[in-house]
Each structure stands twice: as C-alpha cells, then as structure tokens.
Amino acid sequence: MSPIKRRSSKSKQKQIVENPKDFEQIKIYQDIQVNIDQIIEIFGKSPELVTKVVRESPTPYSIAFLRTLANETRVDENITEPLVEWGMNSSSGNNDVTSITNHLNVSSKVKQTQTFKEIVNGMLDGCVILFVQNSDVGLKIPVEPTPSFRKVEETKIQTVVRGPREGLVEDLDTNMSLLRRRVRNSKLRFSPMKIGKETHTKVVVTYVDDLVDQKTLDTIMERLNKIDTNKILDSGMVEELIEDRRYTPFPTIKSTERPDIVCGEILDGRVAVLVDGSPFALVAPVTFVSFFHIAEDYYEKFDLATFIRSIRLLAFWISLALPATYIAVTTFHAELLPTNILINLAAQREGVPFPAFIEVIMMEIIFELLREAGIRMPRPIGSAISIVGALVIGEAAVQAGLISAAMVIVVSLTAITSFISPYYAFSGAVRMLRFVLILFAATSGFFGMAAFTIAMVIHLSNVTSIGKSYLSPIAPLSISKLKDVLFRFPLWWDKSKFYRAFQKIKRVTRG
C-alpha cells in the first residue's frame, strides 16, 4: 500500500475513534477493515456483534451482523459457504460486487447502500452486511431471523369454549402470518413503518383495501406518522398516542390477543395495528357496545349468543352499581325494602362500628389489593391467594364485627361480575367508575346515582373513536345495525324473507 493510502486509512481511523456517534452522514469506506472498525465503534463492541474479515480470497471482503437478530445457521448456508466456494473458484478478472452478489443463495434480495445509516438500520432489521475491498458500496443481505422465544399458543386472557385456540405472539412476522392464513385475500394490506427515535419499533397497519373506511385509515396513518417519542415498547404506548379523547376512562381503541377477532374486525372495515414485541393488536374505530361482544358469539347458535350477551350486559350494571345501590338503600331509602329484609339487615349491622359507605370502600379496596396480588404473584399460587385471601379476610371481618354479612355478599357478587367482561381495559374503567358512583350514592342516594348515570351518558355521547361516535349505532340511531348490538341475529338473516320484508317496510317508511 502506498504512503498516501496509509495516511488516508489513518485519517479515517482517527475519524472513527473521535466521532463514533456521527455515523449517519459517514459514507462507506473502500477499506473493509475500516468499515468493520466503524461498525464496532457504533455498536460499542457488543457481544451480539459478529464480524469477519477475509483477505485470503481473490477479492478481500468482510461481513457483519447481529446474531441476536440474524439466524447464524442461515448466515452460514446462504452467505458464508457460497462466499468460500466463490473464493476458491473465482478468477482475478471476475471479482466485482455484482459477481459476488450472484454467487449468494439470496442474490435476488440483496440491496446496495452507500451510507452507514442504512447499514445500521439494515443490521437492526436482521440483515447481514457485506463489504468488498476497494468498493464504496455495502450489501444488505436479508436472512431468516433468529427463532422467536415463544411459539403460538392459546391465549391467556381472552379464552373461549368454542373457537380457535391460537393467540398472537411477540413476533411481528408470525402475527402477520396468522392473519394472512385466515384472510386469503389479495386485498389484505400490511403497511409497515417504524416508530421511536431510539427503539425504531416496527409497526404494521393492517386492513382490507376495498372494505376499509378510507377516512379512518388516513386518520390512523397520519397520527402514527406524527408520533414523536424515543421509545415504543408495547402496543399500549401506541394506543395512548393515537386515541381521540385522552380524558375518558373508557377505552376508545380495542386491544386483543386473538387473531380471529382481528380478522373479523378488519373484514368489517376497521383498521388493526400490530406492534413488534407485543402480543396485543389494536383495533379501531370501536363502539361502547362492541366491548360486550366476543368472537365466540359468532361460533355458537344465535339464541345462545344472545342470551350470553344479555348476561354480560347485566353483569356490567351489577359490577358498576351494586355497591352504590346497597349504600343508597341502607342509608337513604330503607323504606323501599320489605320489612323482613330490613329487619335482617338491621340485625346484621348491629354492632358494626362503620357506616355503610366506609364498609363498602374498605371491602372494595381490600378486594382490589387481593386482585392485584393475584395477578402479580406466580401463576400457580396467584389464584389461590386471591380466592383464599378473600374468604379468610371476609369471614374474619364478619366475626370481628367490622362488617356485616350482607356486605360480603355484595362485594363478592360485584367481584364475580367484574370478571365477566371479555376486555380487561373496559373492566378497569368499570372498576374506577364504581368508586365514583359509590361517592354519589353516599351523598344523595338514588338521586346521586341518577345524576351520575346522566353525566356518564352525556360523557359517552361526546366520546369518539377515530372520529366515529362511541355510542353508535344507538346514538346516532342506525336501525340496520341494531341487529348486532344486544341481539345476535342468525347469520342467515340477511338472506331470509323476513329481512327482505323488513327492508321493504323501511324503504316505504322513508318515502
């Protein structure tokens, strides 16, 4: 090497050492060792970084990749072994970048780049980087990623009696595969992007092209592109950044870990968002009543599905209002109770040192503590902690005269009905509002509960989900969509003579 080239190489090496963070504007060098040194400086000598410099070949080359993202077995099969074979058989006149590319087993997927910014992004996407001596071009070679640590298995939260057992996982490609296998339609679209200045998290927007509402899709894409944050670690962070109304306890974007629910939603014209590293997909827009529906409703007969939906709606009101009703009746409206029940309640409360309001608040807080402990404890003992803890504490509190037996029944029924909601975020909103309703009932009885209900309905009527009314199809009223709100009409209803007669009557009514 000439003295001029040696000085040039030293100058570049000095630049690498002094400015390891300013790699975005650095062009690829023609010296393969300098390129490898630059990559080592960028990644900070990470143990996951694999580099190799080969000078024995007719044309020296070097490779670099992250073994945590790129499958080393596939790297050897598709890149290393073909390069060794090429080095043994190539002639001195046939050793340019194009010749090397043609000898790779993945030559059709190779992309050329000239900046370290693209090189680093490629490595973070699981690509192998190949540098060739005396060439200022780097090759990004995609390979099969490292196998995911968790395979597809049954969902832990949204379980069903009848229906698919598969659940989404943390691997984005696996989740897209689960959706594609259910929607074998060329109109199914996956629009990729990256969010997060530091994490560069992969996000995919999923929809069916000829079914999606274009305005909704444009709104979601615009909000995703406007996200300005350093990190995205889960889909919940994306949900909070793109939802409409940020000051409402009710979820305005549905989160689910079931691929069949995602497919059903996008086939109804909605949009789904998948986030790499998260087993929960986001679906929007949604309505208030949709949180009482599950995929299993469409796998069972319509009469059973309708009955179960009614049970869920009843459970919602019991979970929300039962403790407040107990306070209102025992404190303000005792005359509404039959005499025998009133006497029994009075006998139970004799000797209890706290008013009904304190009783309810105390027991609700204790149960929330037990619920949280059951979630955070190891699974084999978590359920035992919550159940046994509730029984022991409840029985001990009654025997100690701190609460009445009726109070234990009220809290137990409230707890059981709160678990019926199929969506955890919606159940959490009900749990928070329950405490607010208890305060209203403690101050004004049924009048306070009525005021709270009116305020909640007014609030819900002003909530939107990606621009759509949260109370749809009830407000604004859409008769044609009411067939899938409380009642689940049979799947053959659209083709029945009753449905055609109903449509005819509606057209005549409209004039």
Protein backbone atom coordinates (compact mmCIF):
# COMPACT_ATOMS: atom_id res chain seq x y z
CA MET A 1 0.00 0.00 0.00
CA SER A 2 1.31 3.42 -0.89
CA PRO A 3 2.15 6.05 1.78
CA ILE A 4 -0.78 8.15 0.56
CA LYS A 5 -3.24 5.34 1.13
CA ARG A 6 -1.74 4.61 4.55
CA ARG A 7 -2.23 8.21 5.62
CA SER A 8 -5.79 8.14 4.27
CA SER A 9 -6.54 5.00 6.23
CA LYS A 10 -5.10 6.51 9.43
CA SER A 11 -7.18 9.64 8.89
CA LYS A 12 -10.34 7.56 8.61
CA GLN A 13 -9.40 5.51 11.64
CA LYS A 14 -8.96 8.76 13.59
CA GLN A 15 -12.40 9.89 12.46
CA ILE A 16 -13.89 6.62 13.65
CA VAL A 17 -12.36 6.93 17.11
CA GLU A 18 -13.23 10.59 17.64
CA ASN A 19 -16.78 10.63 16.26
CA PRO A 20 -18.40 7.23 16.83
CA LYS A 21 -21.91 8.72 17.13
CA ASP A 22 -21.91 10.77 13.93
CA PHE A 23 -22.30 7.76 11.67
CA GLU A 24 -25.45 8.88 9.84
CA GLN A 25 -23.50 11.14 7.47
CA ILE A 26 -20.48 8.86 7.02
CA LYS A 27 -20.07 7.19 3.65
CA ILE A 28 -18.82 3.64 3.31
CA TYR A 29 -15.05 3.37 3.02
CA GLN A 30 -13.20 1.31 0.43
CA ASP A 31 -11.12 -0.38 3.14
CA ILE A 32 -13.01 -3.36 4.57
CA GLN A 33 -11.17 -3.21 7.92
CA VAL A 34 -12.04 0.46 8.41
CA ASN A 35 -15.71 -0.35 7.72
CA ILE A 36 -15.66 -3.13 10.31
CA ASP A 37 -13.95 -0.85 12.83
CA GLN A 38 -16.64 1.76 12.23
CA ILE A 39 -19.39 -0.79 12.92
CA ILE A 40 -17.63 -1.94 16.09
CA GLU A 41 -17.47 1.67 17.30
CA ILE A 42 -21.16 2.23 16.50
CA PHE A 43 -22.37 -0.85 18.41
CA GLY A 44 -19.83 -0.47 21.21
CA LYS A 45 -18.15 -3.87 20.97
CA SER A 46 -21.42 -5.62 21.77
CA PRO A 47 -21.13 -9.40 22.37
CA GLU A 48 -24.00 -9.97 19.91
CA LEU A 49 -21.98 -8.37 17.09
CA VAL A 50 -20.33 -10.87 14.74
CA THR A 51 -17.65 -9.59 12.35
CA LYS A 52 -15.31 -11.40 10.00
CA VAL A 53 -12.61 -10.13 7.64
CA VAL A 54 -11.44 -12.46 4.84
CA ARG A 55 -8.29 -11.43 2.99
CA GLU A 56 -7.34 -14.83 1.51
CA SER A 57 -10.00 -14.52 -1.20
CA PRO A 58 -9.11 -13.09 -4.66
CA THR A 59 -11.12 -10.07 -3.57
CA PRO A 60 -10.97 -9.46 0.21
CA TYR A 61 -14.34 -8.97 1.89
CA SER A 62 -15.83 -8.63 5.36
CA ILE A 63 -19.21 -9.42 6.89
CA ALA A 64 -21.03 -8.13 9.98
CA PHE A 65 -24.35 -9.00 11.61
CA LEU A 66 -26.10 -9.22 14.97
CA ARG A 67 -26.50 -12.85 15.97
CA THR A 68 -29.47 -11.99 18.18
CA LEU A 69 -31.42 -10.90 15.09
CA ALA A 70 -29.95 -12.93 12.23
CA ASN A 71 -30.00 -16.73 12.31
CA GLU A 72 -26.34 -17.84 12.28
CA THR A 73 -27.20 -21.18 10.65
CA ARG A 74 -28.87 -19.41 7.74
CA VAL A 75 -25.95 -16.97 7.51
CA ASP A 76 -23.57 -19.90 7.03
CA GLU A 77 -25.81 -21.65 4.49
CA ASN A 78 -26.74 -18.64 2.37
CA ILE A 79 -23.72 -16.35 2.67
CA THR A 80 -20.54 -17.74 4.25
CA GLU A 81 -20.38 -21.08 2.41
CA PRO A 82 -21.22 -19.59 -1.04
CA LEU A 83 -18.52 -16.93 -0.48
CA VAL A 84 -15.92 -19.58 0.38
CA GLU A 85 -16.85 -21.54 -2.73
CA TRP A 86 -16.71 -18.37 -4.82
CA GLY A 87 -13.25 -17.53 -3.44
CA MET A 88 -11.93 -20.97 -4.37
CA ASN A 89 -13.28 -20.95 -7.93
CA SER A 90 -13.25 -17.30 -9.00
CA SER A 91 -10.63 -15.79 -11.26
CA SER A 92 -8.88 -12.47 -10.75
CA GLY A 93 -10.87 -10.86 -13.54
CA ASN A 94 -14.30 -11.76 -12.16
CA ASN A 95 -14.37 -10.42 -8.64
CA ASP A 96 -16.52 -7.29 -8.54
CA VAL A 97 -19.57 -6.64 -6.31
CA THR A 98 -22.00 -7.94 -8.92
CA SER A 99 -20.10 -11.20 -9.26
CA ILE A 100 -20.12 -11.74 -5.51
CA THR A 101 -23.84 -10.98 -5.30
CA ASN A 102 -24.68 -13.53 -7.99
CA HIS A 103 -22.99 -16.30 -6.01
CA LEU A 104 -25.13 -15.78 -2.90
CA ASN A 105 -28.14 -18.04 -2.29
CA VAL A 106 -30.27 -14.95 -1.65
CA SER A 107 -28.95 -12.82 -4.51
CA SER A 108 -32.41 -11.61 -5.56
CA LYS A 109 -32.96 -9.97 -2.15
CA VAL A 110 -29.61 -8.18 -1.86
CA LYS A 111 -29.70 -4.38 -1.71
CA GLN A 112 -26.81 -1.96 -2.14
CA THR A 113 -26.22 1.03 0.12
CA GLN A 114 -23.58 3.74 0.47
CA THR A 115 -24.15 5.16 3.97
CA PHE A 116 -23.65 3.79 7.45
CA LYS A 117 -27.12 4.96 8.43
CA GLU A 118 -28.65 2.43 6.04
CA ILE A 119 -26.08 -0.16 7.11
CA VAL A 120 -27.01 0.19 10.79
CA ASN A 121 -30.75 0.14 10.05
CA GLY A 122 -30.24 -3.00 7.98
CA MET A 123 -28.38 -4.75 10.79
CA LEU A 124 -31.11 -3.79 13.25
CA ASP A 125 -33.60 -5.38 10.84
CA GLY A 126 -31.66 -8.64 10.94
CA CYS A 127 -29.66 -8.23 7.73
CA VAL A 128 -26.08 -9.35 7.15
CA ILE A 129 -23.74 -6.63 5.84
CA LEU A 130 -21.08 -7.47 3.25
CA PHE A 131 -18.21 -5.12 2.39
CA VAL A 132 -15.90 -5.68 -0.60
CA GLN A 133 -12.35 -4.32 -0.73
CA ASN A 134 -11.91 -1.18 -2.91
CA SER A 135 -15.70 -0.72 -3.18
CA ASP A 136 -17.64 2.10 -1.54
CA VAL A 137 -20.85 0.06 -1.66
CA GLY A 138 -22.18 -2.13 1.14
CA LEU A 139 -24.54 -5.05 0.57
CA LYS A 140 -27.57 -5.61 2.83
CA ILE A 141 -28.44 -9.30 2.73
CA PRO A 142 -31.68 -10.37 4.46
CA VAL A 143 -31.63 -13.75 6.18
CA GLU A 144 -34.06 -15.75 8.25
CA PRO A 145 -34.41 -14.16 11.69
CA THR A 146 -33.47 -15.82 14.94
CA PRO A 147 -36.33 -18.10 16.08
CA SER A 148 -38.83 -16.44 18.38
CA PHE A 149 -38.64 -17.42 22.04
CA ARG A 150 -42.41 -18.00 22.32
CA LYS A 151 -44.39 -20.14 19.94
CA VAL A 152 -48.04 -19.69 19.04
CA GLU A 153 -50.15 -20.94 21.92
CA GLU A 154 -53.58 -20.49 23.46
CA THR A 155 -54.43 -17.03 24.72
CA LYS A 156 -54.08 -16.43 28.44
CA ILE A 157 -56.77 -13.77 28.88
CA GLN A 158 -59.43 -14.00 26.16
CA THR A 159 -60.17 -17.70 26.41
CA VAL A 160 -63.11 -19.33 24.64
CA VAL A 161 -65.11 -22.54 24.93
CA ARG A 162 -65.55 -22.86 21.17
CA GLY A 163 -63.27 -21.29 18.61
CA PRO A 164 -59.62 -21.09 17.54
CA ARG A 165 -57.03 -21.58 20.27
CA GLU A 166 -54.25 -19.61 18.61
CA GLY A 167 -53.12 -16.31 20.06
CA LEU A 168 -50.88 -13.54 18.83
CA VAL A 169 -47.24 -13.59 19.92
CA GLU A 170 -44.42 -11.05 20.20
CA ASP A 171 -43.03 -11.76 16.72
CA LEU A 172 -44.47 -9.43 14.07
CA ASP A 173 -43.97 -11.79 11.12
CA THR A 174 -45.72 -14.62 12.95
CA ASN A 175 -48.69 -12.38 13.70
CA MET A 176 -48.97 -11.30 10.07
CA SER A 177 -48.87 -14.96 9.08
CA LEU A 178 -51.73 -15.76 11.47
CA LEU A 179 -53.84 -13.04 9.85
CA ARG A 180 -52.92 -13.99 6.28
CA ARG A 181 -53.88 -17.63 6.85
CA ARG A 182 -57.36 -16.54 7.87
CA VAL A 183 -57.87 -13.83 5.24
CA ARG A 184 -56.59 -15.29 1.98
CA ASN A 185 -57.44 -12.18 0.04
CA SER A 186 -55.18 -10.18 -2.25
CA LYS A 187 -56.81 -7.02 -0.86
CA LEU A 188 -55.39 -7.63 2.61
CA ARG A 189 -52.77 -4.95 3.17
CA PHE A 190 -49.85 -4.67 5.59
CA SER A 191 -48.42 -1.13 5.69
CA PRO A 192 -45.11 -1.09 7.62
CA MET A 193 -43.44 1.80 9.43
CA LYS A 194 -41.01 2.42 12.28
CA ILE A 195 -41.77 4.47 15.39
CA GLY A 196 -39.43 5.59 18.17
CA LYS A 197 -36.24 7.59 17.81
CA GLU A 198 -34.27 5.14 19.94
CA THR A 199 -36.13 1.84 19.59
CA HIS A 200 -37.13 2.06 15.88
CA THR A 201 -40.02 -0.28 16.66
CA LYS A 202 -41.66 -1.97 13.69
CA VAL A 203 -45.36 -1.18 13.36
CA VAL A 204 -47.72 -2.61 10.75
CA VAL A 205 -51.13 -1.17 9.87
CA THR A 206 -53.48 -3.91 8.64
CA TYR A 207 -56.71 -3.53 6.67
CA VAL A 208 -58.67 -4.88 3.70
CA ASP A 209 -58.30 -2.44 0.84
CA ASP A 210 -61.82 -2.48 -0.61
CA LEU A 211 -63.60 -2.70 2.78
CA VAL A 212 -61.78 -0.15 4.93
CA ASP A 213 -63.15 3.32 5.56
CA GLN A 214 -60.57 5.50 3.81
CA LYS A 215 -61.05 8.46 6.14
CA THR A 216 -60.43 6.28 9.18
CA LEU A 217 -57.34 4.77 7.57
CA ASP A 218 -55.93 8.19 6.67
CA THR A 219 -56.52 9.45 10.22
CA ILE A 220 -54.73 6.50 11.81
CA MET A 221 -51.80 6.70 9.39
CA GLU A 222 -51.46 10.44 9.99
CA ARG A 223 -51.45 10.02 13.78
CA LEU A 224 -48.91 7.21 13.62
CA ASN A 225 -46.61 9.27 11.42
CA LYS A 226 -46.86 12.20 13.85
CA ILE A 227 -45.77 10.18 16.89
CA ASP A 228 -42.65 11.82 18.29
CA THR A 229 -41.23 9.69 21.07
CA ASN A 230 -37.98 7.99 21.95
CA LYS A 231 -39.40 4.55 22.68
CA ILE A 232 -42.27 2.25 21.78
CA LEU A 233 -42.13 -0.94 23.83
CA ASP A 234 -45.71 -2.19 23.55
CA SER A 235 -48.91 -1.56 21.63
CA GLY A 236 -50.36 0.12 24.72
CA MET A 237 -48.00 3.06 24.20
CA VAL A 238 -49.17 3.42 20.60
CA GLU A 239 -52.79 3.24 21.73
CA GLU A 240 -52.36 6.13 24.14
CA LEU A 241 -50.69 8.28 21.48
CA ILE A 242 -53.29 7.88 18.71
CA GLU A 243 -56.63 7.77 20.54
CA ASP A 244 -59.15 10.61 20.21
CA ARG A 245 -60.19 11.67 23.68
CA ARG A 246 -57.45 11.28 26.24
CA TYR A 247 -59.53 12.19 29.30
CA THR A 248 -62.02 9.35 29.42
CA PRO A 249 -61.86 6.16 31.49
CA PHE A 250 -63.39 4.13 28.67
CA PRO A 251 -61.09 2.55 26.07
CA THR A 252 -61.63 4.03 22.60
CA ILE A 253 -59.33 1.52 20.89
CA LYS A 254 -59.80 -2.21 21.31
CA SER A 255 -56.84 -4.35 22.36
CA THR A 256 -56.97 -8.07 21.64
CA GLU A 257 -54.59 -11.03 21.52
CA ARG A 258 -56.86 -13.16 19.31
CA PRO A 259 -56.14 -13.24 15.55
CA ASP A 260 -59.71 -14.30 14.74
CA ILE A 261 -61.04 -11.15 16.42
CA VAL A 262 -58.59 -9.01 14.44
CA CYS A 263 -59.65 -10.67 11.18
CA GLY A 264 -63.32 -10.22 11.98
CA GLU A 265 -62.80 -6.54 12.71
CA ILE A 266 -60.81 -5.73 9.55
CA LEU A 267 -63.37 -7.64 7.46
CA ASP A 268 -65.96 -5.27 8.93
CA GLY A 269 -63.98 -2.32 7.56
CA ARG A 270 -61.90 -1.45 10.61
CA VAL A 271 -58.15 -0.97 10.91
CA ALA A 272 -55.75 -3.04 13.01
CA VAL A 273 -52.30 -2.03 14.24
CA LEU A 274 -49.62 -4.63 15.02
CA VAL A 275 -46.54 -3.70 17.06
CA ASP A 276 -43.37 -5.77 17.05
CA GLY A 277 -42.71 -7.17 20.51
CA SER A 278 -46.36 -7.01 21.61
CA PRO A 279 -48.88 -9.89 21.53
CA PHE A 280 -51.78 -7.42 21.57
CA ALA A 281 -53.21 -5.91 18.38
CA LEU A 282 -55.07 -2.60 18.33
CA VAL A 283 -58.39 -2.26 16.51
CA ALA A 284 -60.18 0.99 15.67
CA PRO A 285 -62.69 2.50 15.49
CA VAL A 286 -64.77 0.79 18.17
CA THR A 287 -68.06 1.42 19.93
CA PHE A 288 -69.26 1.09 23.51
CA VAL A 289 -71.41 -1.97 22.74
CA SER A 290 -68.56 -3.76 20.96
CA PHE A 291 -66.89 -4.39 24.33
CA PHE A 292 -69.77 -6.76 25.15
CA HIS A 293 -69.10 -8.83 22.03
CA ILE A 294 -66.57 -11.61 21.58
CA ALA A 295 -65.67 -13.81 18.63
CA GLU A 296 -67.33 -16.80 20.27
CA ASP A 297 -70.72 -15.10 19.80
CA TYR A 298 -70.47 -15.97 16.10
CA TYR A 299 -69.33 -19.56 16.67
CA GLU A 300 -72.34 -20.50 18.81
CA LYS A 301 -76.02 -20.56 17.83
CA PHE A 302 -77.64 -17.13 17.72
CA ASP A 303 -80.06 -17.79 20.59
CA LEU A 304 -77.31 -18.87 22.99
CA ALA A 305 -75.09 -15.97 21.88
CA THR A 306 -77.92 -13.51 22.51
CA PHE A 307 -78.50 -14.96 25.98
CA ILE A 308 -74.80 -14.71 26.89
CA ARG A 309 -74.66 -11.10 25.64
CA SER A 310 -77.60 -10.26 27.89
CA ILE A 311 -75.76 -11.82 30.82
CA ARG A 312 -72.71 -9.67 30.08
CA LEU A 313 -74.82 -6.50 29.99
CA LEU A 314 -76.48 -7.46 33.29
CA ALA A 315 -73.05 -8.17 34.79
CA PHE A 316 -71.87 -4.73 33.69
CA TRP A 317 -74.63 -2.97 35.64
CA ILE A 318 -74.22 -5.22 38.70
CA SER A 319 -70.47 -4.64 38.77
CA LEU A 320 -70.93 -0.89 38.40
CA ALA A 321 -73.96 -0.18 40.59
CA LEU A 322 -74.48 -2.93 43.19
CA PRO A 323 -72.28 -1.46 45.99
CA ALA A 324 -73.72 2.00 45.38
CA THR A 325 -77.25 0.58 45.46
CA TYR A 326 -76.53 -1.10 48.81
CA ILE A 327 -75.37 2.21 50.26
CA ALA A 328 -78.34 4.13 48.86
CA VAL A 329 -80.89 1.63 50.17
CA THR A 330 -79.42 1.16 53.65
CA THR A 331 -78.66 4.86 54.18
CA PHE A 332 -81.37 6.87 52.37
CA HIS A 333 -84.14 4.62 51.06
CA ALA A 334 -84.71 1.90 53.63
CA GLU A 335 -88.49 2.20 53.06
CA LEU A 336 -88.04 0.51 49.66
CA LEU A 337 -87.06 -2.79 51.30
CA PRO A 338 -89.57 -5.38 52.54
CA THR A 339 -89.91 -5.32 56.32
CA ASN A 340 -88.37 -8.76 56.88
CA ILE A 341 -85.28 -7.92 54.81
CA LEU A 342 -84.95 -4.56 56.52
CA ILE A 343 -85.07 -6.19 59.96
CA ASN A 344 -82.45 -8.78 58.95
CA LEU A 345 -80.10 -6.10 57.62
CA ALA A 346 -80.56 -4.02 60.75
CA ALA A 347 -79.78 -7.04 62.93
CA GLN A 348 -76.63 -7.80 60.93
CA ARG A 349 -75.42 -4.21 61.14
CA GLU A 350 -75.98 -4.02 64.89
CA GLY A 351 -72.58 -3.59 66.46
CA VAL A 352 -70.82 -2.68 63.19
CA PRO A 353 -68.79 0.47 64.01
CA PHE A 354 -68.71 1.87 60.47
CA PRO A 355 -71.41 3.35 58.25
CA ALA A 356 -72.29 1.51 55.03
CA PHE A 357 -70.13 3.86 52.95
CA ILE A 358 -66.97 3.04 54.93
CA GLU A 359 -67.86 -0.66 54.83
CA VAL A 360 -68.10 -0.66 51.05
CA ILE A 361 -64.96 1.41 50.47
CA MET A 362 -62.94 -0.72 52.88
CA MET A 363 -64.02 -4.03 51.32
CA GLU A 364 -63.62 -2.79 47.74
CA ILE A 365 -60.08 -1.60 48.42
CA ILE A 366 -59.21 -4.90 50.11
CA PHE A 367 -60.54 -6.84 47.14
CA GLU A 368 -58.60 -4.66 44.68
CA LEU A 369 -55.46 -5.39 46.70
CA LEU A 370 -56.18 -9.11 46.54
CA ARG A 371 -56.87 -8.92 42.83
CA GLU A 372 -53.59 -7.12 42.18
CA ALA A 373 -51.69 -9.56 44.38
CA GLY A 374 -53.20 -12.49 42.49
CA ILE A 375 -52.07 -11.00 39.17
CA ARG A 376 -48.51 -10.25 40.29
CA MET A 377 -47.92 -13.49 42.17
CA PRO A 378 -46.61 -16.57 40.31
CA ARG A 379 -49.46 -18.21 38.40
CA PRO A 380 -49.63 -21.50 40.37
CA ILE A 381 -50.33 -19.65 43.63
CA GLY A 382 -51.81 -16.39 42.34
CA SER A 383 -55.39 -17.66 42.06
CA ALA A 384 -55.13 -19.36 45.45
CA ILE A 385 -54.00 -16.10 47.06
CA SER A 386 -56.97 -14.13 45.69
CA ILE A 387 -59.63 -16.75 46.49
CA VAL A 388 -58.37 -17.94 49.88
CA GLY A 389 -57.45 -14.40 50.88
CA ALA A 390 -60.95 -13.12 50.12
CA LEU A 391 -62.61 -15.96 52.05
CA VAL A 392 -60.35 -15.67 55.08
CA ILE A 393 -60.47 -11.88 55.32
CA GLY A 394 -64.23 -11.73 54.71
CA GLU A 395 -65.02 -14.36 57.34
CA ALA A 396 -62.65 -12.80 59.85
CA ALA A 397 -64.09 -9.31 59.30
CA VAL A 398 -67.66 -10.55 59.87
CA GLN A 399 -66.72 -12.44 63.03
CA ALA A 400 -64.84 -9.41 64.32
CA GLY A 401 -67.93 -7.27 63.79
CA LEU A 402 -66.20 -4.88 61.39
CA ILE A 403 -68.61 -5.52 58.51
CA SER A 404 -71.97 -7.18 58.01
CA ALA A 405 -72.54 -10.50 56.24
CA ALA A 406 -74.66 -8.74 53.61
CA MET A 407 -71.66 -6.56 52.76
CA VAL A 408 -69.59 -9.66 51.98
CA ILE A 409 -72.31 -10.89 49.62
CA VAL A 410 -72.46 -7.53 47.84
CA VAL A 411 -68.69 -7.31 47.35
CA SER A 412 -68.49 -10.95 46.24
CA LEU A 413 -71.20 -10.51 43.60
CA THR A 414 -69.52 -7.32 42.43
CA ALA A 415 -66.19 -9.09 42.10
CA ILE A 416 -67.62 -12.06 40.21
CA THR A 417 -69.49 -9.90 37.70
CA SER A 418 -66.43 -7.72 37.12
CA PHE A 419 -64.59 -10.77 35.73
CA ILE A 420 -67.25 -11.42 33.09
CA SER A 421 -66.16 -8.54 30.87
CA PRO A 422 -64.12 -10.01 27.97
CA TYR A 423 -61.84 -6.94 27.74
CA TYR A 424 -59.54 -6.02 30.61
CA ALA A 425 -59.33 -2.30 29.76
CA PHE A 426 -63.12 -1.97 29.77
CA SER A 427 -63.35 -3.87 33.05
CA GLY A 428 -60.78 -1.48 34.53
CA ALA A 429 -62.91 1.51 33.54
CA VAL A 430 -65.92 -0.02 35.30
CA ARG A 431 -63.87 -0.64 38.44
CA MET A 432 -62.76 3.01 38.60
CA LEU A 433 -66.24 4.38 37.94
CA ARG A 434 -67.65 2.12 40.65
CA PHE A 435 -65.83 4.17 43.30
CA VAL A 436 -67.16 7.42 41.83
CA LEU A 437 -70.71 6.05 41.85
CA ILE A 438 -70.26 4.97 45.48
CA LEU A 439 -69.42 8.57 46.41
CA PHE A 440 -72.54 9.86 44.62
CA ALA A 441 -74.71 7.26 46.36
CA ALA A 442 -73.21 8.10 49.76
CA THR A 443 -74.11 11.78 49.37
CA SER A 444 -77.55 11.70 47.72
CA GLY A 445 -78.74 8.11 47.45
CA PHE A 446 -80.63 7.22 44.28
CA PHE A 447 -80.72 10.88 43.25
CA GLY A 448 -76.93 10.94 43.21
CA MET A 449 -76.84 7.69 41.25
CA ALA A 450 -79.27 9.14 38.71
CA ALA A 451 -77.11 12.26 38.36
CA PHE A 452 -74.02 10.09 37.82
CA THR A 453 -75.81 7.99 35.18
CA ILE A 454 -76.93 11.09 33.28
CA ALA A 455 -73.43 12.55 33.43
CA MET A 456 -71.94 9.26 32.18
CA VAL A 457 -74.36 9.09 29.22
CA ILE A 458 -73.59 12.71 28.31
CA HIS A 459 -69.88 11.96 28.51
CA LEU A 460 -70.22 8.83 26.34
CA SER A 461 -72.20 10.76 23.74
CA ASN A 462 -69.24 13.13 23.37
CA VAL A 463 -66.61 10.39 23.11
CA THR A 464 -65.38 9.37 19.67
CA SER A 465 -63.13 6.61 18.39
CA ILE A 466 -61.04 7.81 15.42
CA GLY A 467 -63.79 10.30 14.63
CA LYS A 468 -66.67 7.82 14.94
CA SER A 469 -69.42 8.06 17.56
CA TYR A 470 -68.71 5.87 20.58
CA LEU A 471 -72.43 5.14 21.14
CA SER A 472 -73.08 4.08 17.56
CA PRO A 473 -75.44 2.59 16.38
CA ILE A 474 -77.62 3.74 19.29
CA ALA A 475 -76.66 7.41 19.03
CA PRO A 476 -76.92 8.35 16.25
CA LEU A 477 -79.57 5.69 15.72
CA SER A 478 -78.99 3.22 12.89
CA ILE A 479 -81.76 0.64 12.75
CA SER A 480 -79.99 -1.52 10.18
CA LYS A 481 -77.04 -2.04 12.56
CA LEU A 482 -79.09 -2.78 15.68
CA LYS A 483 -79.32 -6.45 14.70
CA ASP A 484 -75.84 -6.99 16.17
CA VAL A 485 -75.95 -4.93 19.36
CA LEU A 486 -77.79 -6.70 22.18
CA PHE A 487 -79.24 -9.45 19.99
CA ARG A 488 -77.12 -11.57 17.72
CA PHE A 489 -79.35 -12.22 14.72
CA PRO A 490 -78.77 -15.52 12.85
CA LEU A 491 -76.16 -15.48 10.10
CA TRP A 492 -78.79 -16.40 7.51
CA TRP A 493 -80.94 -13.39 8.46
CA ASP A 494 -79.69 -11.20 5.59
CA LYS A 495 -80.96 -13.75 3.08
CA SER A 496 -84.29 -14.52 4.74
CA LYS A 497 -87.69 -13.36 3.61
CA PHE A 498 -88.17 -11.62 6.97
CA TYR A 499 -85.11 -9.46 6.34
CA ARG A 500 -86.29 -8.55 2.82
CA ALA A 501 -89.71 -7.64 4.18
CA PHE A 502 -88.07 -5.53 6.89
CA GLN A 503 -86.01 -3.67 4.26
CA LYS A 504 -89.14 -3.08 2.17
CA ILE A 505 -91.00 -1.63 5.15
CA LYS A 506 -88.05 0.64 5.92
CA ARG A 507 -87.94 1.96 2.35
CA VAL A 508 -91.68 2.65 2.40
CA THR A 509 -91.36 4.44 5.74
CA ARG A 510 -88.63 6.67 4.36
CA GLY A 511 -90.93 7.57 1.47
